[in-house]
Each structure stands twice: as structure tokens, then as C-alpha cells.
Amino acid sequence: MLTIKYPSENTAVKDWRALLDDIVVAHKLEEDSNLKQPILEEDDTKVSGEKEISQYLKELKKSVDDWRAPGCGI
């Protein structure tokens, strides 16, 4: 499961939530006011920072879209 912990709700967090809901990936978003920057964890992968998380999710969306393309995956 993909987990994102973030210091406070903002536009980026809302965008991440919408994207993850759209691509139907198991995820959990948790607010943690002790953090200075957001952190994404998935299996052995750890990414921190808004730009870095956004890039990771963009690549994840591309992978999911490619897998769902006609003739691939399902």
C-alpha cells in the first residue's frame, strides 16, 4: 500500500488524493503536524518533498495507464 504522510492539507495533497482515487491504487494519506515536508512510502521506496512525490505519482499514473491500455494487462 502506498502511504503519504504530510504536515498539513494543501492543494498538492488534494491533487494527490484525486489522482490516487482516479487510478484506483490502494493508498492512505495521513496528516502529521510534526513533519516538515511530506513523505511517500511504498514497499521499499521512500520519497520526500512535494515535487518529488508529484513526480513519483505522475510516473505511477503512466505505468497504470500503460498497463490498462488495450492489449496489456487486463
Protein backbone atom coordinates (compact mmCIF):
# COMPACT_ATOMS: atom_id res chain seq x y z
CA MET A 1 0.00 0.00 0.00
CA LEU A 2 1.16 3.50 -0.82
CA THR A 3 1.23 5.86 2.17
CA ILE A 4 1.71 9.61 2.12
CA LYS A 5 2.23 11.50 5.36
CA TYR A 6 2.07 15.28 5.18
CA PRO A 7 2.37 18.21 7.61
CA SER A 8 -0.92 19.90 6.63
CA GLU A 9 -3.63 19.64 3.98
CA ASN A 10 -2.92 21.78 0.93
CA THR A 11 -3.59 21.83 -2.81
CA ALA A 12 -0.87 19.26 -3.53
CA VAL A 13 -2.37 16.79 -1.04
CA LYS A 14 -5.82 17.26 -2.58
CA ASP A 15 -4.36 16.68 -6.05
CA TRP A 16 -2.54 13.52 -4.87
CA ARG A 17 -5.75 12.19 -3.30
CA ALA A 18 -7.74 12.83 -6.50
CA LEU A 19 -5.09 11.18 -8.68
CA LEU A 20 -4.83 8.09 -6.45
CA ASP A 21 -8.62 7.76 -6.30
CA ASP A 22 -8.74 8.12 -10.10
CA ILE A 23 -6.21 5.39 -10.81
CA VAL A 24 -7.65 3.16 -8.06
CA VAL A 25 -4.46 2.41 -6.16
CA ALA A 26 -4.53 1.26 -2.54
CA HIS A 27 -3.37 4.24 -0.54
CA LYS A 28 -3.52 6.04 2.76
CA LEU A 29 -2.97 9.76 3.37
CA GLU A 30 -2.19 10.84 6.92
CA GLU A 31 -1.71 14.29 8.37
CA ASP A 32 1.25 14.55 10.75
CA SER A 33 1.89 18.07 12.02
CA ASN A 34 5.36 17.02 13.25
CA LEU A 35 6.63 16.66 9.68
CA LYS A 36 8.42 19.47 7.87
CA GLN A 37 7.74 18.00 4.41
CA PRO A 38 5.56 15.22 3.00
CA ILE A 39 6.84 11.66 2.77
CA LEU A 40 5.63 8.89 0.44
CA GLU A 41 6.35 5.25 1.27
CA GLU A 42 5.56 2.26 -0.91
CA ASP A 43 7.23 -1.08 -0.26
CA ASP A 44 10.99 -0.29 -0.20
CA THR A 45 10.54 3.12 -1.87
CA LYS A 46 10.67 6.33 0.14
CA VAL A 47 10.22 9.76 -1.47
CA SER A 48 10.10 13.11 0.31
CA GLY A 49 9.12 16.59 -0.86
CA GLU A 50 6.09 17.85 -2.77
CA LYS A 51 7.76 17.98 -6.20
CA GLU A 52 9.33 14.56 -5.78
CA ILE A 53 6.05 12.97 -4.66
CA SER A 54 4.16 14.61 -7.53
CA GLN A 55 6.73 13.24 -9.99
CA TYR A 56 6.53 9.75 -8.45
CA LEU A 57 2.73 9.78 -8.72
CA LYS A 58 2.89 11.04 -12.31
CA GLU A 59 5.11 8.07 -13.20
CA LEU A 60 2.83 5.71 -11.29
CA LYS A 61 -0.19 7.00 -13.23
CA LYS A 62 1.65 6.46 -16.51
CA SER A 63 2.50 2.88 -15.51
CA VAL A 64 -1.10 2.15 -14.53
CA ASP A 65 -2.45 3.75 -17.72
CA ASP A 66 0.03 1.76 -19.85
CA TRP A 67 -0.92 -1.47 -18.08
CA ARG A 68 -4.62 -0.79 -18.68
CA ALA A 69 -4.12 0.05 -22.38
CA PRO A 70 -5.77 -2.33 -24.87
CA GLY A 71 -3.71 -5.48 -25.27
CA CYS A 72 -1.83 -5.01 -21.99
CA GLY A 73 -2.54 -6.29 -18.50
CA ILE A 74 -6.29 -6.91 -18.50
